[in-house]
Amino acid sequence: MTEPERLVYVTLGTVQNDPVLLREVVAGVAALPVRVLVAVGPHADPGSMGEQPAHVRVERWVDQAEVLSRCTAVVSHAGSGTFLGALARGLPQLCLPQAADQFRNAEGGVAAGAALALAPTEASTASVRAAVERVLTDDGLRAAAGRVAAEIAAMPAPDEVARLLAARFGRGGVS
């Protein structure tokens, strides 16, 4: 059997990374014909995920920017870093918000047509598997993620925004 080409990155971030939920999520993604890279967070033990099939790799930490440049889809908590990083690369995603701004991020991704979302009470092995299968096969989700990536790419760089603000409001700050 050859190894699947597509890579799905799975993370629940560094704070809301409940190992019980993460194991359920990984089981759902691992049931698909994809390679799976799981980041459990800097304070979690990769061994807490238990034995995994050969196509699933579990790490404490990964260089997310590099991973996002190589993957096909993302499953995450919709934390701003992961969520926006995936959108900037035109990656469709499954959002599993757990707290704070993650719910608003997930809503925005769904509204843009670039993401699917499952509420905490909806996330199960079966629902994650079905949602990720759709994320991988729905051309509309991928196209919408590409449109959002183009919008992000067209935004001015932070130093340009700072220069424009300073020119408009003076160096003393915004009033």
N, C-alpha and C. Protein backbone atom coordinates (compact mmCIF):
# COMPACT_ATOMS: atom_id res chain seq x y z
N MET A 1 0.85 -1.19 0.00
CA MET A 1 0.00 0.00 0.00
C MET A 1 0.88 1.24 0.00
N THR A 2 0.62 2.19 -0.90
CA THR A 2 1.41 3.41 -0.95
C THR A 2 0.84 4.43 0.02
N GLU A 3 1.71 5.31 0.47
CA GLU A 3 1.31 6.34 1.42
C GLU A 3 0.49 7.42 0.71
N PRO A 4 -0.62 7.86 1.31
CA PRO A 4 -1.43 8.91 0.69
C PRO A 4 -0.62 10.20 0.50
N GLU A 5 -0.93 10.94 -0.55
CA GLU A 5 -0.21 12.18 -0.86
C GLU A 5 -0.69 13.37 -0.03
N ARG A 6 -1.98 13.47 0.17
CA ARG A 6 -2.53 14.64 0.86
C ARG A 6 -2.16 14.63 2.34
N LEU A 7 -1.88 15.83 2.86
CA LEU A 7 -1.53 15.98 4.27
C LEU A 7 -2.56 16.86 4.95
N VAL A 8 -3.11 16.39 6.06
CA VAL A 8 -4.04 17.16 6.88
C VAL A 8 -3.34 17.46 8.19
N TYR A 9 -3.27 18.75 8.53
CA TYR A 9 -2.66 19.21 9.77
C TYR A 9 -3.76 19.34 10.82
N VAL A 10 -3.53 18.76 12.00
CA VAL A 10 -4.51 18.77 13.09
C VAL A 10 -3.86 19.37 14.33
N THR A 11 -4.50 20.38 14.90
CA THR A 11 -4.03 20.96 16.16
C THR A 11 -5.22 21.57 16.90
N LEU A 12 -5.17 21.51 18.21
CA LEU A 12 -6.14 22.23 19.04
C LEU A 12 -5.43 23.33 19.81
N GLY A 13 -4.26 23.75 19.32
CA GLY A 13 -3.54 24.87 19.91
C GLY A 13 -2.75 24.49 21.14
N THR A 14 -2.35 25.51 21.87
CA THR A 14 -1.48 25.30 23.03
C THR A 14 -2.22 25.42 24.36
N VAL A 15 -3.47 25.89 24.34
CA VAL A 15 -4.20 26.07 25.60
C VAL A 15 -5.39 25.13 25.69
N GLN A 16 -6.25 25.13 24.69
CA GLN A 16 -7.48 24.34 24.70
C GLN A 16 -7.28 22.98 24.02
N ASN A 17 -6.19 22.33 24.30
CA ASN A 17 -5.85 21.08 23.60
C ASN A 17 -6.19 19.85 24.45
N ASP A 18 -7.47 19.66 24.69
CA ASP A 18 -7.97 18.53 25.47
C ASP A 18 -7.58 17.22 24.78
N PRO A 19 -6.78 16.37 25.45
CA PRO A 19 -6.33 15.13 24.80
C PRO A 19 -7.46 14.16 24.44
N VAL A 20 -8.54 14.16 25.22
CA VAL A 20 -9.66 13.27 24.91
C VAL A 20 -10.30 13.69 23.59
N LEU A 21 -10.58 14.98 23.44
CA LEU A 21 -11.14 15.50 22.20
C LEU A 21 -10.16 15.30 21.05
N LEU A 22 -8.90 15.58 21.28
CA LEU A 22 -7.91 15.45 20.22
C LEU A 22 -7.81 14.01 19.72
N ARG A 23 -7.86 13.05 20.63
CA ARG A 23 -7.84 11.63 20.20
C ARG A 23 -9.04 11.31 19.31
N GLU A 24 -10.20 11.83 19.66
CA GLU A 24 -11.41 11.61 18.86
C GLU A 24 -11.28 12.26 17.48
N VAL A 25 -10.77 13.47 17.45
CA VAL A 25 -10.57 14.19 16.19
C VAL A 25 -9.58 13.44 15.30
N VAL A 26 -8.47 13.04 15.88
CA VAL A 26 -7.45 12.33 15.11
C VAL A 26 -8.00 11.00 14.57
N ALA A 27 -8.79 10.30 15.36
CA ALA A 27 -9.39 9.05 14.89
C ALA A 27 -10.27 9.30 13.67
N GLY A 28 -11.00 10.39 13.67
CA GLY A 28 -11.84 10.71 12.52
C GLY A 28 -11.03 11.01 11.28
N VAL A 29 -9.97 11.82 11.42
CA VAL A 29 -9.13 12.18 10.28
C VAL A 29 -8.33 10.97 9.80
N ALA A 30 -7.83 10.18 10.74
CA ALA A 30 -7.00 9.02 10.40
C ALA A 30 -7.77 7.96 9.61
N ALA A 31 -9.10 7.99 9.68
CA ALA A 31 -9.92 7.03 8.93
C ALA A 31 -9.95 7.35 7.44
N LEU A 32 -9.42 8.50 7.06
CA LEU A 32 -9.42 8.92 5.65
C LEU A 32 -8.09 8.56 4.99
N PRO A 33 -8.06 8.48 3.66
CA PRO A 33 -6.81 8.15 2.95
C PRO A 33 -5.91 9.38 2.80
N VAL A 34 -5.41 9.88 3.93
CA VAL A 34 -4.53 11.06 3.95
C VAL A 34 -3.43 10.82 4.98
N ARG A 35 -2.34 11.56 4.82
CA ARG A 35 -1.35 11.61 5.88
C ARG A 35 -1.85 12.63 6.90
N VAL A 36 -1.57 12.38 8.16
CA VAL A 36 -2.05 13.26 9.23
C VAL A 36 -0.87 13.68 10.08
N LEU A 37 -0.74 14.99 10.29
CA LEU A 37 0.27 15.53 11.20
C LEU A 37 -0.47 16.21 12.34
N VAL A 38 -0.19 15.76 13.55
CA VAL A 38 -0.87 16.26 14.74
C VAL A 38 0.14 16.99 15.61
N ALA A 39 -0.19 18.21 16.02
CA ALA A 39 0.61 18.94 17.00
C ALA A 39 -0.20 19.00 18.30
N VAL A 40 0.35 18.41 19.37
CA VAL A 40 -0.39 18.33 20.64
C VAL A 40 -0.16 19.53 21.55
N GLY A 41 0.84 20.34 21.25
CA GLY A 41 1.13 21.50 22.08
C GLY A 41 2.38 21.30 22.92
N PRO A 42 3.01 22.39 23.32
CA PRO A 42 4.30 22.29 24.00
C PRO A 42 4.26 21.66 25.39
N HIS A 43 3.09 21.61 26.00
CA HIS A 43 2.99 21.07 27.36
C HIS A 43 2.31 19.71 27.41
N ALA A 44 2.04 19.15 26.23
CA ALA A 44 1.38 17.84 26.18
C ALA A 44 2.38 16.78 25.74
N ASP A 45 2.08 15.57 26.08
CA ASP A 45 2.92 14.44 25.72
C ASP A 45 2.38 13.79 24.45
N PRO A 46 3.17 13.72 23.38
CA PRO A 46 2.69 13.05 22.17
C PRO A 46 2.23 11.61 22.44
N GLY A 47 2.81 10.97 23.43
CA GLY A 47 2.41 9.61 23.79
C GLY A 47 0.98 9.53 24.31
N SER A 48 0.43 10.66 24.75
CA SER A 48 -0.95 10.68 25.25
C SER A 48 -1.96 10.38 24.14
N MET A 49 -1.51 10.42 22.91
CA MET A 49 -2.40 10.12 21.78
C MET A 49 -2.52 8.62 21.55
N GLY A 50 -1.72 7.84 22.25
CA GLY A 50 -1.78 6.40 22.08
C GLY A 50 -1.13 5.98 20.77
N GLU A 51 -1.19 4.69 20.51
CA GLU A 51 -0.61 4.16 19.28
C GLU A 51 -1.45 4.63 18.09
N GLN A 52 -0.75 5.06 17.04
CA GLN A 52 -1.41 5.58 15.85
C GLN A 52 -0.99 4.78 14.62
N PRO A 53 -1.82 4.78 13.58
CA PRO A 53 -1.42 4.11 12.35
C PRO A 53 -0.20 4.79 11.72
N ALA A 54 0.45 4.11 10.80
CA ALA A 54 1.69 4.62 10.19
C ALA A 54 1.51 5.95 9.48
N HIS A 55 0.32 6.25 9.00
CA HIS A 55 0.11 7.51 8.26
C HIS A 55 -0.21 8.69 9.17
N VAL A 56 -0.14 8.49 10.48
CA VAL A 56 -0.39 9.56 11.45
C VAL A 56 0.90 9.82 12.23
N ARG A 57 1.32 11.07 12.22
CA ARG A 57 2.53 11.48 12.95
C ARG A 57 2.11 12.48 14.03
N VAL A 58 2.54 12.25 15.25
CA VAL A 58 2.18 13.11 16.38
C VAL A 58 3.44 13.77 16.90
N GLU A 59 3.41 15.09 17.01
CA GLU A 59 4.53 15.88 17.50
C GLU A 59 4.06 16.82 18.60
N ARG A 60 4.97 17.21 19.45
CA ARG A 60 4.67 18.21 20.47
C ARG A 60 4.51 19.58 19.80
N TRP A 61 5.46 19.92 18.94
CA TRP A 61 5.48 21.23 18.28
C TRP A 61 5.92 21.04 16.85
N VAL A 62 5.39 21.85 15.95
CA VAL A 62 5.82 21.87 14.56
C VAL A 62 5.98 23.32 14.13
N ASP A 63 6.77 23.53 13.09
CA ASP A 63 6.88 24.86 12.48
C ASP A 63 5.63 25.05 11.63
N GLN A 64 4.64 25.72 12.20
CA GLN A 64 3.34 25.80 11.57
C GLN A 64 3.40 26.44 10.18
N ALA A 65 4.20 27.47 10.01
CA ALA A 65 4.30 28.12 8.70
C ALA A 65 4.77 27.12 7.64
N GLU A 66 5.73 26.29 7.99
CA GLU A 66 6.22 25.30 7.04
C GLU A 66 5.16 24.23 6.78
N VAL A 67 4.50 23.79 7.84
CA VAL A 67 3.47 22.76 7.68
C VAL A 67 2.34 23.28 6.79
N LEU A 68 1.91 24.50 7.03
CA LEU A 68 0.81 25.05 6.23
C LEU A 68 1.18 25.16 4.76
N SER A 69 2.45 25.34 4.46
CA SER A 69 2.86 25.43 3.06
C SER A 69 2.85 24.07 2.38
N ARG A 70 2.70 22.99 3.15
CA ARG A 70 2.76 21.64 2.59
C ARG A 70 1.46 20.86 2.71
N CYS A 71 0.48 21.39 3.42
CA CYS A 71 -0.70 20.58 3.65
C CYS A 71 -1.85 20.93 2.71
N THR A 72 -2.84 20.06 2.71
CA THR A 72 -4.01 20.17 1.84
C THR A 72 -5.19 20.80 2.58
N ALA A 73 -5.27 20.55 3.88
CA ALA A 73 -6.37 21.05 4.69
C ALA A 73 -5.93 21.11 6.15
N VAL A 74 -6.70 21.85 6.94
CA VAL A 74 -6.38 22.06 8.36
C VAL A 74 -7.61 21.74 9.20
N VAL A 75 -7.37 21.08 10.32
CA VAL A 75 -8.39 20.85 11.33
C VAL A 75 -7.84 21.48 12.60
N SER A 76 -8.55 22.50 13.12
CA SER A 76 -8.01 23.19 14.29
C SER A 76 -9.12 23.76 15.16
N HIS A 77 -8.69 24.35 16.23
CA HIS A 77 -9.55 25.03 17.19
C HIS A 77 -10.00 26.40 16.69
N ALA A 78 -9.52 26.83 15.54
CA ALA A 78 -9.82 28.13 14.95
C ALA A 78 -9.19 29.27 15.74
N GLY A 79 -8.09 28.98 16.43
CA GLY A 79 -7.33 30.05 17.07
C GLY A 79 -6.77 30.95 15.98
N SER A 80 -6.58 32.20 16.28
CA SER A 80 -6.23 33.18 15.26
C SER A 80 -4.99 32.82 14.45
N GLY A 81 -3.94 32.36 15.10
CA GLY A 81 -2.71 32.04 14.36
C GLY A 81 -2.91 30.93 13.34
N THR A 82 -3.51 29.85 13.75
CA THR A 82 -3.74 28.73 12.85
C THR A 82 -4.80 29.09 11.81
N PHE A 83 -5.88 29.68 12.24
CA PHE A 83 -6.99 30.02 11.37
C PHE A 83 -6.57 30.98 10.26
N LEU A 84 -5.93 32.09 10.65
CA LEU A 84 -5.52 33.08 9.65
C LEU A 84 -4.36 32.58 8.80
N GLY A 85 -3.45 31.81 9.40
CA GLY A 85 -2.35 31.24 8.64
C GLY A 85 -2.86 30.32 7.54
N ALA A 86 -3.85 29.50 7.86
CA ALA A 86 -4.43 28.60 6.86
C ALA A 86 -5.16 29.40 5.77
N LEU A 87 -5.93 30.41 6.18
CA LEU A 87 -6.62 31.22 5.18
C LEU A 87 -5.63 31.94 4.26
N ALA A 88 -4.56 32.45 4.81
CA ALA A 88 -3.57 33.17 4.00
C ALA A 88 -2.96 32.26 2.94
N ARG A 89 -2.98 30.97 3.17
CA ARG A 89 -2.45 30.01 2.19
C ARG A 89 -3.54 29.36 1.35
N GLY A 90 -4.78 29.82 1.52
CA GLY A 90 -5.87 29.30 0.71
C GLY A 90 -6.27 27.89 1.08
N LEU A 91 -6.08 27.51 2.33
CA LEU A 91 -6.40 26.15 2.77
C LEU A 91 -7.80 26.08 3.37
N PRO A 92 -8.64 25.19 2.86
CA PRO A 92 -9.93 24.99 3.50
C PRO A 92 -9.71 24.31 4.86
N GLN A 93 -10.64 24.54 5.77
CA GLN A 93 -10.41 24.00 7.10
C GLN A 93 -11.69 23.60 7.81
N LEU A 94 -11.50 22.70 8.76
CA LEU A 94 -12.56 22.34 9.70
C LEU A 94 -12.21 23.01 11.01
N CYS A 95 -13.10 23.85 11.49
CA CYS A 95 -12.89 24.57 12.74
C CYS A 95 -13.65 23.87 13.87
N LEU A 96 -12.95 23.67 14.97
CA LEU A 96 -13.52 23.06 16.16
C LEU A 96 -13.31 24.03 17.33
N PRO A 97 -14.03 25.16 17.32
CA PRO A 97 -13.79 26.18 18.33
C PRO A 97 -14.07 25.68 19.74
N GLN A 98 -13.22 26.12 20.68
CA GLN A 98 -13.34 25.70 22.07
C GLN A 98 -13.58 26.86 23.02
N ALA A 99 -13.07 28.05 22.69
CA ALA A 99 -13.17 29.19 23.61
C ALA A 99 -12.85 30.49 22.89
N ALA A 100 -13.11 31.59 23.58
CA ALA A 100 -12.69 32.94 23.18
C ALA A 100 -13.07 33.28 21.74
N ASP A 101 -12.12 33.87 21.01
CA ASP A 101 -12.37 34.35 19.64
C ASP A 101 -12.50 33.21 18.63
N GLN A 102 -12.27 32.00 19.05
CA GLN A 102 -12.31 30.86 18.14
C GLN A 102 -13.71 30.70 17.51
N PHE A 103 -14.74 30.99 18.27
CA PHE A 103 -16.11 30.88 17.74
C PHE A 103 -16.34 31.92 16.64
N ARG A 104 -15.89 33.13 16.88
CA ARG A 104 -16.05 34.20 15.88
C ARG A 104 -15.22 33.89 14.63
N ASN A 105 -14.01 33.38 14.82
CA ASN A 105 -13.17 33.02 13.67
C ASN A 105 -13.87 31.94 12.84
N ALA A 106 -14.38 30.91 13.51
CA ALA A 106 -15.06 29.82 12.81
C ALA A 106 -16.27 30.35 12.04
N GLU A 107 -17.05 31.22 12.67
CA GLU A 107 -18.21 31.81 11.99
C GLU A 107 -17.79 32.57 10.74
N GLY A 108 -16.69 33.31 10.84
CA GLY A 108 -16.20 34.05 9.68
C GLY A 108 -15.75 33.13 8.56
N GLY A 109 -15.06 32.05 8.90
CA GLY A 109 -14.63 31.09 7.89
C GLY A 109 -15.80 30.42 7.20
N VAL A 110 -16.83 30.08 7.96
CA VAL A 110 -18.03 29.47 7.39
C VAL A 110 -18.75 30.49 6.51
N ALA A 111 -18.90 31.74 7.00
CA ALA A 111 -19.57 32.78 6.22
C ALA A 111 -18.86 33.06 4.90
N ALA A 112 -17.54 32.96 4.89
CA ALA A 112 -16.76 33.18 3.67
C ALA A 112 -16.81 31.97 2.74
N GLY A 113 -17.34 30.86 3.23
CA GLY A 113 -17.41 29.64 2.43
C GLY A 113 -16.10 28.87 2.39
N ALA A 114 -15.15 29.25 3.26
CA ALA A 114 -13.81 28.66 3.25
C ALA A 114 -13.60 27.62 4.33
N ALA A 115 -14.61 27.41 5.18
CA ALA A 115 -14.44 26.50 6.32
C ALA A 115 -15.77 25.85 6.68
N LEU A 116 -15.65 24.74 7.36
CA LEU A 116 -16.77 24.10 8.03
C LEU A 116 -16.48 24.21 9.52
N ALA A 117 -17.51 24.12 10.35
CA ALA A 117 -17.30 24.18 11.79
C ALA A 117 -18.20 23.19 12.49
N LEU A 118 -17.67 22.64 13.57
CA LEU A 118 -18.44 21.78 14.46
C LEU A 118 -18.37 22.38 15.86
N ALA A 119 -19.51 22.53 16.49
CA ALA A 119 -19.55 23.01 17.87
C ALA A 119 -18.94 21.94 18.78
N PRO A 120 -18.49 22.33 19.97
CA PRO A 120 -17.88 21.34 20.87
C PRO A 120 -18.75 20.11 21.11
N THR A 121 -20.05 20.28 21.18
CA THR A 121 -20.94 19.14 21.41
C THR A 121 -21.16 18.29 20.16
N GLU A 122 -20.76 18.78 18.99
CA GLU A 122 -20.96 18.06 17.73
C GLU A 122 -19.74 17.25 17.29
N ALA A 123 -18.60 17.52 17.91
CA ALA A 123 -17.36 16.88 17.47
C ALA A 123 -17.28 15.44 17.95
N SER A 124 -17.31 14.52 17.00
CA SER A 124 -17.15 13.10 17.28
C SER A 124 -16.28 12.52 16.18
N THR A 125 -15.84 11.30 16.36
CA THR A 125 -15.03 10.66 15.32
C THR A 125 -15.77 10.67 13.99
N ALA A 126 -17.04 10.29 14.01
CA ALA A 126 -17.82 10.22 12.77
C ALA A 126 -18.05 11.60 12.15
N SER A 127 -18.41 12.60 12.96
CA SER A 127 -18.69 13.92 12.41
C SER A 127 -17.42 14.58 11.88
N VAL A 128 -16.30 14.37 12.56
CA VAL A 128 -15.03 14.91 12.08
C VAL A 128 -14.64 14.25 10.77
N ARG A 129 -14.77 12.93 10.70
CA ARG A 129 -14.44 12.22 9.47
C ARG A 129 -15.26 12.75 8.30
N ALA A 130 -16.56 12.88 8.48
CA ALA A 130 -17.44 13.37 7.41
C ALA A 130 -17.10 14.80 7.01
N ALA A 131 -16.84 15.64 7.99
CA ALA A 131 -16.53 17.04 7.69
C ALA A 131 -15.19 17.17 6.97
N VAL A 132 -14.18 16.43 7.41
CA VAL A 132 -12.88 16.52 6.76
C VAL A 132 -12.95 15.94 5.35
N GLU A 133 -13.72 14.90 5.17
CA GLU A 133 -13.91 14.36 3.82
C GLU A 133 -14.49 15.44 2.90
N ARG A 134 -15.45 16.19 3.40
CA ARG A 134 -16.03 17.29 2.61
C ARG A 134 -15.00 18.39 2.37
N VAL A 135 -14.24 18.74 3.40
CA VAL A 135 -13.21 19.78 3.24
C VAL A 135 -12.22 19.38 2.13
N LEU A 136 -11.92 18.10 2.04
CA LEU A 136 -10.96 17.62 1.05
C LEU A 136 -11.54 17.51 -0.36
N THR A 137 -12.85 17.39 -0.47
CA THR A 137 -13.45 17.12 -1.78
C THR A 137 -14.32 18.24 -2.33
N ASP A 138 -14.70 19.19 -1.51
CA ASP A 138 -15.60 20.26 -1.93
C ASP A 138 -14.81 21.37 -2.61
N ASP A 139 -14.92 21.44 -3.93
CA ASP A 139 -14.19 22.46 -4.69
C ASP A 139 -14.62 23.87 -4.31
N GLY A 140 -15.86 24.05 -3.88
CA GLY A 140 -16.35 25.36 -3.47
C GLY A 140 -15.61 25.87 -2.23
N LEU A 141 -15.36 24.98 -1.27
CA LEU A 141 -14.61 25.37 -0.07
C LEU A 141 -13.19 25.79 -0.45
N ARG A 142 -12.55 25.01 -1.31
CA ARG A 142 -11.18 25.32 -1.73
C ARG A 142 -11.14 26.64 -2.51
N ALA A 143 -12.11 26.86 -3.39
CA ALA A 143 -12.15 28.10 -4.17
C ALA A 143 -12.36 29.31 -3.25
N ALA A 144 -13.26 29.18 -2.28
CA ALA A 144 -13.51 30.28 -1.35
C ALA A 144 -12.27 30.57 -0.50
N ALA A 145 -11.58 29.52 -0.07
CA ALA A 145 -10.34 29.72 0.69
C ALA A 145 -9.30 30.44 -0.18
N GLY A 146 -9.27 30.11 -1.46
CA GLY A 146 -8.36 30.80 -2.39
C GLY A 146 -8.72 32.27 -2.54
N ARG A 147 -10.01 32.58 -2.59
CA ARG A 147 -10.43 33.99 -2.68
C ARG A 147 -10.02 34.76 -1.43
N VAL A 148 -10.20 34.15 -0.26
CA VAL A 148 -9.80 34.82 0.98
C VAL A 148 -8.28 35.02 0.99
N ALA A 149 -7.53 34.04 0.53
CA ALA A 149 -6.06 34.17 0.46
C ALA A 149 -5.68 35.33 -0.44
N ALA A 150 -6.37 35.51 -1.56
CA ALA A 150 -6.08 36.62 -2.47
C ALA A 150 -6.38 37.96 -1.79
N GLU A 151 -7.48 38.01 -1.03
CA GLU A 151 -7.81 39.24 -0.30
C GLU A 151 -6.72 39.57 0.73
N ILE A 152 -6.27 38.56 1.44
CA ILE A 152 -5.22 38.77 2.45
C ILE A 152 -3.94 39.23 1.76
N ALA A 153 -3.59 38.61 0.64
CA ALA A 153 -2.36 38.98 -0.08
C ALA A 153 -2.42 40.42 -0.59
N ALA A 154 -3.62 40.91 -0.89
CA ALA A 154 -3.77 42.27 -1.41
C ALA A 154 -3.74 43.34 -0.31
N MET A 155 -3.79 42.92 0.93
CA MET A 155 -3.75 43.88 2.04
C MET A 155 -2.37 44.51 2.13
N PRO A 156 -2.32 45.77 2.57
CA PRO A 156 -1.01 46.40 2.73
C PRO A 156 -0.23 45.75 3.87
N ALA A 157 1.07 45.81 3.76
CA ALA A 157 1.96 45.27 4.79
C ALA A 157 1.83 46.11 6.06
N PRO A 158 2.13 45.53 7.23
CA PRO A 158 2.01 46.27 8.49
C PRO A 158 2.79 47.58 8.50
N ASP A 159 4.00 47.61 7.94
CA ASP A 159 4.77 48.86 7.95
C ASP A 159 4.10 49.93 7.09
N GLU A 160 3.42 49.53 6.03
CA GLU A 160 2.68 50.49 5.20
C GLU A 160 1.48 51.04 5.96
N VAL A 161 0.77 50.17 6.69
CA VAL A 161 -0.36 50.63 7.50
C VAL A 161 0.12 51.60 8.57
N ALA A 162 1.22 51.28 9.24
CA ALA A 162 1.78 52.18 10.26
C ALA A 162 2.15 53.52 9.66
N ARG A 163 2.75 53.51 8.47
CA ARG A 163 3.13 54.76 7.81
C ARG A 163 1.89 55.58 7.47
N LEU A 164 0.84 54.96 6.95
CA LEU A 164 -0.39 55.66 6.61
C LEU A 164 -1.07 56.24 7.85
N LEU A 165 -1.08 55.47 8.93
CA LEU A 165 -1.68 55.97 10.17
C LEU A 165 -0.89 57.14 10.74
N ALA A 166 0.43 57.03 10.71
CA ALA A 166 1.25 58.13 11.20
C ALA A 166 1.04 59.39 10.36
N ALA A 167 0.92 59.24 9.05
CA ALA A 167 0.69 60.39 8.18
C ALA A 167 -0.67 61.02 8.43
N ARG A 168 -1.66 60.20 8.72
CA ARG A 168 -3.00 60.71 8.92
C ARG A 168 -3.22 61.28 10.32
N PHE A 169 -2.69 60.61 11.33
CA PHE A 169 -2.98 60.98 12.71
C PHE A 169 -1.79 61.56 13.45
N GLY A 170 -0.67 61.66 12.81
CA GLY A 170 0.53 62.16 13.48
C GLY A 170 1.24 61.07 14.23
N ARG A 171 2.42 61.33 14.64
CA ARG A 171 3.25 60.33 15.30
C ARG A 171 2.82 60.07 16.74
N GLY A 172 1.96 60.91 17.30
CA GLY A 172 1.54 60.75 18.69
C GLY A 172 0.50 59.68 18.90
N GLY A 173 0.00 59.11 17.84
CA GLY A 173 -0.99 58.04 17.99
C GLY A 173 -2.31 58.44 17.38
N VAL A 174 -3.23 57.52 17.44
CA VAL A 174 -4.56 57.73 16.87
C VAL A 174 -5.40 58.46 17.88
N SER A 175 -6.15 59.46 17.41
CA SER A 175 -7.02 60.20 18.35
C SER A 175 -8.47 60.01 18.00
